[in-house]
PDB file of all heavy atoms in Angstrom:
ATOM      1  N   PHE A   1      22.629  11.872   6.587  1.00  0.00           N
ATOM      2  CA  PHE A   1      21.508  11.807   5.657  1.00  0.00           C
ATOM      3  C   PHE A   1      21.964  11.307   4.290  1.00  0.00           C
ATOM      4  O   PHE A   1      21.287  10.500   3.640  1.00  0.00           O
ATOM      5  CB  PHE A   1      20.854  13.184   5.546  1.00  0.00           C
ATOM      6  CG  PHE A   1      19.971  13.347   4.343  1.00  0.00           C
ATOM      7  CD1 PHE A   1      18.786  12.644   4.243  1.00  0.00           C
ATOM      8  CD2 PHE A   1      20.334  14.211   3.322  1.00  0.00           C
ATOM      9  CE1 PHE A   1      17.969  12.790   3.121  1.00  0.00           C
ATOM     10  CE2 PHE A   1      19.521  14.376   2.214  1.00  0.00           C
ATOM     11  CZ  PHE A   1      18.346  13.663   2.105  1.00  0.00           C
ATOM     12  N   GLY A   2      23.131  11.777   3.852  1.00  0.00           N
ATOM     13  CA  GLY A   2      23.660  11.327   2.566  1.00  0.00           C
ATOM     14  C   GLY A   2      23.965   9.851   2.543  1.00  0.00           C
ATOM     15  O   GLY A   2      23.862   9.200   1.495  1.00  0.00           O
ATOM     16  N   GLY A   3      24.358   9.299   3.711  1.00  0.00           N
ATOM     17  CA  GLY A   3      24.583   7.856   3.783  1.00  0.00           C
ATOM     18  C   GLY A   3      23.313   7.079   3.546  1.00  0.00           C
ATOM     19  O   GLY A   3      23.294   6.062   2.840  1.00  0.00           O
ATOM     20  N   LEU A   4      22.222   7.544   4.154  1.00  0.00           N
ATOM     21  CA  LEU A   4      20.912   6.949   3.884  1.00  0.00           C
ATOM     22  C   LEU A   4      20.568   7.076   2.406  1.00  0.00           C
ATOM     23  O   LEU A   4      20.078   6.126   1.775  1.00  0.00           O
ATOM     24  CB  LEU A   4      19.845   7.632   4.739  1.00  0.00           C
ATOM     25  CG  LEU A   4      18.386   7.361   4.359  1.00  0.00           C
ATOM     26  CD1 LEU A   4      18.020   5.912   4.613  1.00  0.00           C
ATOM     27  CD2 LEU A   4      17.455   8.296   5.125  1.00  0.00           C
ATOM     28  N   ALA A   5      20.822   8.257   1.831  1.00  0.00           N
ATOM     29  CA  ALA A   5      20.442   8.508   0.438  1.00  0.00           C
ATOM     30  C   ALA A   5      21.137   7.559  -0.524  1.00  0.00           C
ATOM     31  O   ALA A   5      20.514   7.027  -1.454  1.00  0.00           O
ATOM     32  CB  ALA A   5      20.756   9.968   0.072  1.00  0.00           C
ATOM     33  N   VAL A   6      22.437   7.303  -0.320  1.00  0.00           N
ATOM     34  CA  VAL A   6      23.122   6.411  -1.264  1.00  0.00           C
ATOM     35  C   VAL A   6      22.697   4.960  -1.080  1.00  0.00           C
ATOM     36  O   VAL A   6      22.688   4.187  -2.051  1.00  0.00           O
ATOM     37  CB  VAL A   6      24.650   6.572  -1.194  1.00  0.00           C
ATOM     38  CG1 VAL A   6      25.048   8.007  -1.514  1.00  0.00           C
ATOM     39  CG2 VAL A   6      25.233   6.123   0.129  1.00  0.00           C
ATOM     40  N   LEU A   7      22.318   4.579   0.137  1.00  0.00           N
ATOM     41  CA  LEU A   7      21.763   3.236   0.318  1.00  0.00           C
ATOM     42  C   LEU A   7      20.435   3.097  -0.415  1.00  0.00           C
ATOM     43  O   LEU A   7      20.155   2.051  -1.021  1.00  0.00           O
ATOM     44  CB  LEU A   7      21.589   2.925   1.804  1.00  0.00           C
ATOM     45  CG  LEU A   7      22.873   2.742   2.609  1.00  0.00           C
ATOM     46  CD1 LEU A   7      22.540   2.500   4.077  1.00  0.00           C
ATOM     47  CD2 LEU A   7      23.730   1.591   2.065  1.00  0.00           C
ATOM     48  N   GLU A   8      19.627   4.144  -0.385  1.00  0.00           N
ATOM     49  CA  GLU A   8      18.361   4.104  -1.129  1.00  0.00           C
ATOM     50  C   GLU A   8      18.628   4.063  -2.632  1.00  0.00           C
ATOM     51  O   GLU A   8      17.886   3.423  -3.389  1.00  0.00           O
ATOM     52  CB  GLU A   8      17.489   5.302  -0.768  1.00  0.00           C
ATOM     53  CG  GLU A   8      16.939   5.270   0.651  1.00  0.00           C
ATOM     54  CD  GLU A   8      15.911   4.166   0.889  1.00  0.00           C
ATOM     55  OE1 GLU A   8      15.612   3.377  -0.032  1.00  0.00           O
ATOM     56  OE2 GLU A   8      15.396   4.082   2.024  1.00  0.00           O
ATOM     57  N   LEU A   9      19.684   4.737  -3.077  1.00  0.00           N
ATOM     58  CA  LEU A   9      20.062   4.669  -4.490  1.00  0.00           C
ATOM     59  C   LEU A   9      20.381   3.231  -4.876  1.00  0.00           C
ATOM     60  O   LEU A   9      19.946   2.736  -5.921  1.00  0.00           O
ATOM     61  CB  LEU A   9      21.266   5.574  -4.741  1.00  0.00           C
ATOM     62  CG  LEU A   9      21.780   5.655  -6.170  1.00  0.00           C
ATOM     63  CD1 LEU A   9      20.763   6.293  -7.096  1.00  0.00           C
ATOM     64  CD2 LEU A   9      23.096   6.444  -6.216  1.00  0.00           C
ATOM     65  N   ALA A  10      21.132   2.540  -4.034  1.00  0.00           N
ATOM     66  CA  ALA A  10      21.437   1.135  -4.307  1.00  0.00           C
ATOM     67  C   ALA A  10      20.176   0.290  -4.298  1.00  0.00           C
ATOM     68  O   ALA A  10      19.982  -0.568  -5.171  1.00  0.00           O
ATOM     69  CB  ALA A  10      22.437   0.612  -3.282  1.00  0.00           C
ATOM     70  N   ARG A  11      19.320   0.512  -3.296  1.00  0.00           N
ATOM     71  CA  ARG A  11      18.078  -0.266  -3.212  1.00  0.00           C
ATOM     72  C   ARG A  11      17.201  -0.083  -4.445  1.00  0.00           C
ATOM     73  O   ARG A  11      16.428  -0.975  -4.806  1.00  0.00           O
ATOM     74  CB  ARG A  11      17.301   0.148  -1.965  1.00  0.00           C
ATOM     75  CG  ARG A  11      17.927  -0.294  -0.651  1.00  0.00           C
ATOM     76  CD  ARG A  11      17.176   0.278   0.528  1.00  0.00           C
ATOM     77  NE  ARG A  11      17.643  -0.287   1.804  1.00  0.00           N
ATOM     78  CZ  ARG A  11      18.149   0.431   2.808  1.00  0.00           C
ATOM     79  NH1 ARG A  11      18.250   1.758   2.693  1.00  0.00           N
ATOM     80  NH2 ARG A  11      18.562  -0.169   3.907  1.00  0.00           N
ATOM     81  N   SER A  12      17.309   1.076  -5.091  1.00  0.00           N
ATOM     82  CA  SER A  12      16.486   1.353  -6.270  1.00  0.00           C
ATOM     83  C   SER A  12      16.941   0.581  -7.498  1.00  0.00           C
ATOM     84  O   SER A  12      16.258   0.584  -8.525  1.00  0.00           O
ATOM     85  CB  SER A  12      16.517   2.855  -6.578  1.00  0.00           C
ATOM     86  OG  SER A  12      17.759   3.244  -7.161  1.00  0.00           O
ATOM     87  N   GLY A  13      18.112  -0.053  -7.417  1.00  0.00           N
ATOM     88  CA  GLY A  13      18.627  -0.794  -8.562  1.00  0.00           C
ATOM     89  C   GLY A  13      19.432   0.045  -9.530  1.00  0.00           C
ATOM     90  O   GLY A  13      19.663  -0.365 -10.666  1.00  0.00           O
ATOM     91  N   ALA A  14      19.901   1.218  -9.083  1.00  0.00           N
ATOM     92  CA  ALA A  14      20.666   2.108  -9.972  1.00  0.00           C
ATOM     93  C   ALA A  14      21.916   1.397 -10.496  1.00  0.00           C
ATOM     94  O   ALA A  14      22.573   0.653  -9.764  1.00  0.00           O
ATOM     95  CB  ALA A  14      21.059   3.372  -9.215  1.00  0.00           C
ATOM     96  N   PRO A  15      22.257   1.634 -11.774  1.00  0.00           N
ATOM     97  CA  PRO A  15      23.384   0.933 -12.400  1.00  0.00           C
ATOM     98  C   PRO A  15      24.710   1.631 -12.143  1.00  0.00           C
ATOM     99  O   PRO A  15      25.266   2.298 -13.020  1.00  0.00           O
ATOM    100  CB  PRO A  15      23.007   0.978 -13.884  1.00  0.00           C
ATOM    101  CG  PRO A  15      22.282   2.289 -14.027  1.00  0.00           C
ATOM    102  CD  PRO A  15      21.523   2.473 -12.737  1.00  0.00           C
ATOM    103  N   LEU A  16      25.253   1.495 -10.958  1.00  0.00           N
ATOM    104  CA  LEU A  16      26.568   2.048 -10.656  1.00  0.00           C
ATOM    105  C   LEU A  16      27.395   0.979  -9.963  1.00  0.00           C
ATOM    106  O   LEU A  16      26.871  -0.046  -9.529  1.00  0.00           O
ATOM    107  CB  LEU A  16      26.472   3.324  -9.815  1.00  0.00           C
ATOM    108  CG  LEU A  16      26.051   3.266  -8.355  1.00  0.00           C
ATOM    109  CD1 LEU A  16      26.284   4.618  -7.687  1.00  0.00           C
ATOM    110  CD2 LEU A  16      24.615   2.846  -8.175  1.00  0.00           C
ATOM    111  N   ALA A  17      28.707   1.232  -9.865  1.00  0.00           N
ATOM    112  CA  ALA A  17      29.589   0.181  -9.365  1.00  0.00           C
ATOM    113  C   ALA A  17      29.428  -0.064  -7.878  1.00  0.00           C
ATOM    114  O   ALA A  17      29.465  -1.212  -7.427  1.00  0.00           O
ATOM    115  CB  ALA A  17      31.051   0.535  -9.680  1.00  0.00           C
ATOM    116  N   ALA A  18      29.268   1.013  -7.089  1.00  0.00           N
ATOM    117  CA  ALA A  18      29.312   0.843  -5.644  1.00  0.00           C
ATOM    118  C   ALA A  18      28.690   2.040  -4.945  1.00  0.00           C
ATOM    119  O   ALA A  18      28.642   3.150  -5.495  1.00  0.00           O
ATOM    120  CB  ALA A  18      30.757   0.672  -5.176  1.00  0.00           C
ATOM    121  N   VAL A  19      28.246   1.824  -3.707  1.00  0.00           N
ATOM    122  CA  VAL A  19      27.846   2.909  -2.816  1.00  0.00           C
ATOM    123  C   VAL A  19      28.494   2.668  -1.455  1.00  0.00           C
ATOM    124  O   VAL A  19      28.708   1.523  -1.050  1.00  0.00           O
ATOM    125  CB  VAL A  19      26.317   3.047  -2.656  1.00  0.00           C
ATOM    126  CG1 VAL A  19      25.632   3.215  -4.003  1.00  0.00           C
ATOM    127  CG2 VAL A  19      25.721   1.874  -1.886  1.00  0.00           C
ATOM    128  N   ALA A  20      28.803   3.759  -0.754  1.00  0.00           N
ATOM    129  CA  ALA A  20      29.382   3.670   0.587  1.00  0.00           C
ATOM    130  C   ALA A  20      28.685   4.685   1.488  1.00  0.00           C
ATOM    131  O   ALA A  20      28.621   5.866   1.165  1.00  0.00           O
ATOM    132  CB  ALA A  20      30.880   3.928   0.549  1.00  0.00           C
ATOM    133  N   SER A  21      28.182   4.199   2.599  1.00  0.00           N
ATOM    134  CA  SER A  21      27.433   5.023   3.547  1.00  0.00           C
ATOM    135  C   SER A  21      28.259   5.209   4.819  1.00  0.00           C
ATOM    136  O   SER A  21      28.656   4.233   5.451  1.00  0.00           O
ATOM    137  CB  SER A  21      26.102   4.339   3.888  1.00  0.00           C
ATOM    138  OG  SER A  21      25.479   4.975   4.984  1.00  0.00           O
ATOM    139  N   PHE A  22      28.499   6.479   5.181  1.00  0.00           N
ATOM    140  CA  PHE A  22      29.183   6.804   6.419  1.00  0.00           C
ATOM    141  C   PHE A  22      28.162   7.305   7.435  1.00  0.00           C
ATOM    142  O   PHE A  22      27.484   8.312   7.198  1.00  0.00           O
ATOM    143  CB  PHE A  22      30.230   7.890   6.190  1.00  0.00           C
ATOM    144  CG  PHE A  22      31.381   7.464   5.321  1.00  0.00           C
ATOM    145  CD1 PHE A  22      31.304   7.590   3.940  1.00  0.00           C
ATOM    146  CD2 PHE A  22      32.541   6.957   5.880  1.00  0.00           C
ATOM    147  CE1 PHE A  22      32.368   7.220   3.136  1.00  0.00           C
ATOM    148  CE2 PHE A  22      33.610   6.574   5.081  1.00  0.00           C
ATOM    149  CZ  PHE A  22      33.527   6.708   3.708  1.00  0.00           C
ATOM    150  N   HIS A  23      28.052   6.599   8.561  1.00  0.00           N
ATOM    151  CA  HIS A  23      27.117   6.894   9.655  1.00  0.00           C
ATOM    152  C   HIS A  23      25.736   7.341   9.157  1.00  0.00           C
ATOM    153  O   HIS A  23      25.142   8.280   9.654  1.00  0.00           O
ATOM    154  CB  HIS A  23      27.695   7.886  10.670  1.00  0.00           C
ATOM    155  CG  HIS A  23      28.434   9.061  10.091  1.00  0.00           C
ATOM    156  ND1 HIS A  23      27.800  10.168   9.574  1.00  0.00           N
ATOM    157  CD2 HIS A  23      29.762   9.292   9.985  1.00  0.00           C
ATOM    158  CE1 HIS A  23      28.709  11.024   9.173  1.00  0.00           C
ATOM    159  NE2 HIS A  23      29.898  10.528   9.400  1.00  0.00           N
ATOM    160  N   GLY A  24      25.241   6.631   8.148  1.00  0.00           N
ATOM    161  CA  GLY A  24      23.885   6.872   7.666  1.00  0.00           C
ATOM    162  C   GLY A  24      22.894   5.943   8.343  1.00  0.00           C
ATOM    163  O   GLY A  24      23.266   4.872   8.848  1.00  0.00           O
ATOM    164  N   LEU A  25      21.624   6.333   8.353  1.00  0.00           N
ATOM    165  CA  LEU A  25      20.591   5.426   8.847  1.00  0.00           C
ATOM    166  C   LEU A  25      20.529   4.206   7.930  1.00  0.00           C
ATOM    167  O   LEU A  25      20.636   4.333   6.706  1.00  0.00           O
ATOM    168  CB  LEU A  25      19.240   6.132   8.889  1.00  0.00           C
ATOM    169  CG  LEU A  25      19.149   7.385   9.768  1.00  0.00           C
ATOM    170  CD1 LEU A  25      17.712   7.906   9.793  1.00  0.00           C
ATOM    171  CD2 LEU A  25      19.657   7.125  11.170  1.00  0.00           C
ATOM    172  N   LEU A  26      20.322   3.048   8.500  1.00  0.00           N
ATOM    173  CA  LEU A  26      20.417   1.802   7.745  1.00  0.00           C
ATOM    174  C   LEU A  26      19.079   1.189   7.381  1.00  0.00           C
ATOM    175  O   LEU A  26      19.023   0.295   6.531  1.00  0.00           O
ATOM    176  CB  LEU A  26      21.231   0.775   8.548  1.00  0.00           C
ATOM    177  CG  LEU A  26      22.680   1.157   8.864  1.00  0.00           C
ATOM    178  CD1 LEU A  26      23.352   0.047   9.666  1.00  0.00           C
ATOM    179  CD2 LEU A  26      23.473   1.451   7.590  1.00  0.00           C
ATOM    180  N   THR A  27      18.006   1.630   8.018  1.00  0.00           N
ATOM    181  CA  THR A  27      16.695   1.041   7.745  1.00  0.00           C
ATOM    182  C   THR A  27      15.941   1.858   6.712  1.00  0.00           C
ATOM    183  O   THR A  27      16.257   3.016   6.437  1.00  0.00           O
ATOM    184  CB  THR A  27      15.871   0.938   9.031  1.00  0.00           C
ATOM    185  OG1 THR A  27      15.739   2.238   9.619  1.00  0.00           O
ATOM    186  CG2 THR A  27      16.527  -0.007  10.012  1.00  0.00           C
ATOM    187  N   THR A  28      14.921   1.248   6.135  1.00  0.00           N
ATOM    188  CA  THR A  28      14.160   1.864   5.056  1.00  0.00           C
ATOM    189  C   THR A  28      12.709   1.442   5.122  1.00  0.00           C
ATOM    190  O   THR A  28      12.386   0.361   5.635  1.00  0.00           O
ATOM    191  CB  THR A  28      14.753   1.465   3.689  1.00  0.00           C
ATOM    192  OG1 THR A  28      13.979   2.058   2.626  1.00  0.00           O
ATOM    193  CG2 THR A  28      14.753  -0.052   3.507  1.00  0.00           C
ATOM    194  N   ALA A  29      11.845   2.279   4.550  1.00  0.00           N
ATOM    195  CA  ALA A  29      10.435   1.926   4.441  1.00  0.00           C
ATOM    196  C   ALA A  29      10.166   1.023   3.246  1.00  0.00           C
ATOM    197  O   ALA A  29       9.080   0.450   3.128  1.00  0.00           O
ATOM    198  CB  ALA A  29       9.591   3.197   4.323  1.00  0.00           C
ATOM    199  N   ALA A  30      11.164   0.883   2.367  1.00  0.00           N
ATOM    200  CA  ALA A  30      10.995   0.078   1.153  1.00  0.00           C
ATOM    201  C   ALA A  30      12.216  -0.822   0.970  1.00  0.00           C
ATOM    202  O   ALA A  30      13.112  -0.506   0.180  1.00  0.00           O
ATOM    203  CB  ALA A  30      10.807   0.987  -0.058  1.00  0.00           C
TER     204      ALA A  30
END
């Protein structure tokens, strides 16, 4: 779940250097 969460953080345009998702869901509604 946390892997999905950090991908959504990246998709939101958050200003951080990097995100890494371990066995997170890869698809999104947005």
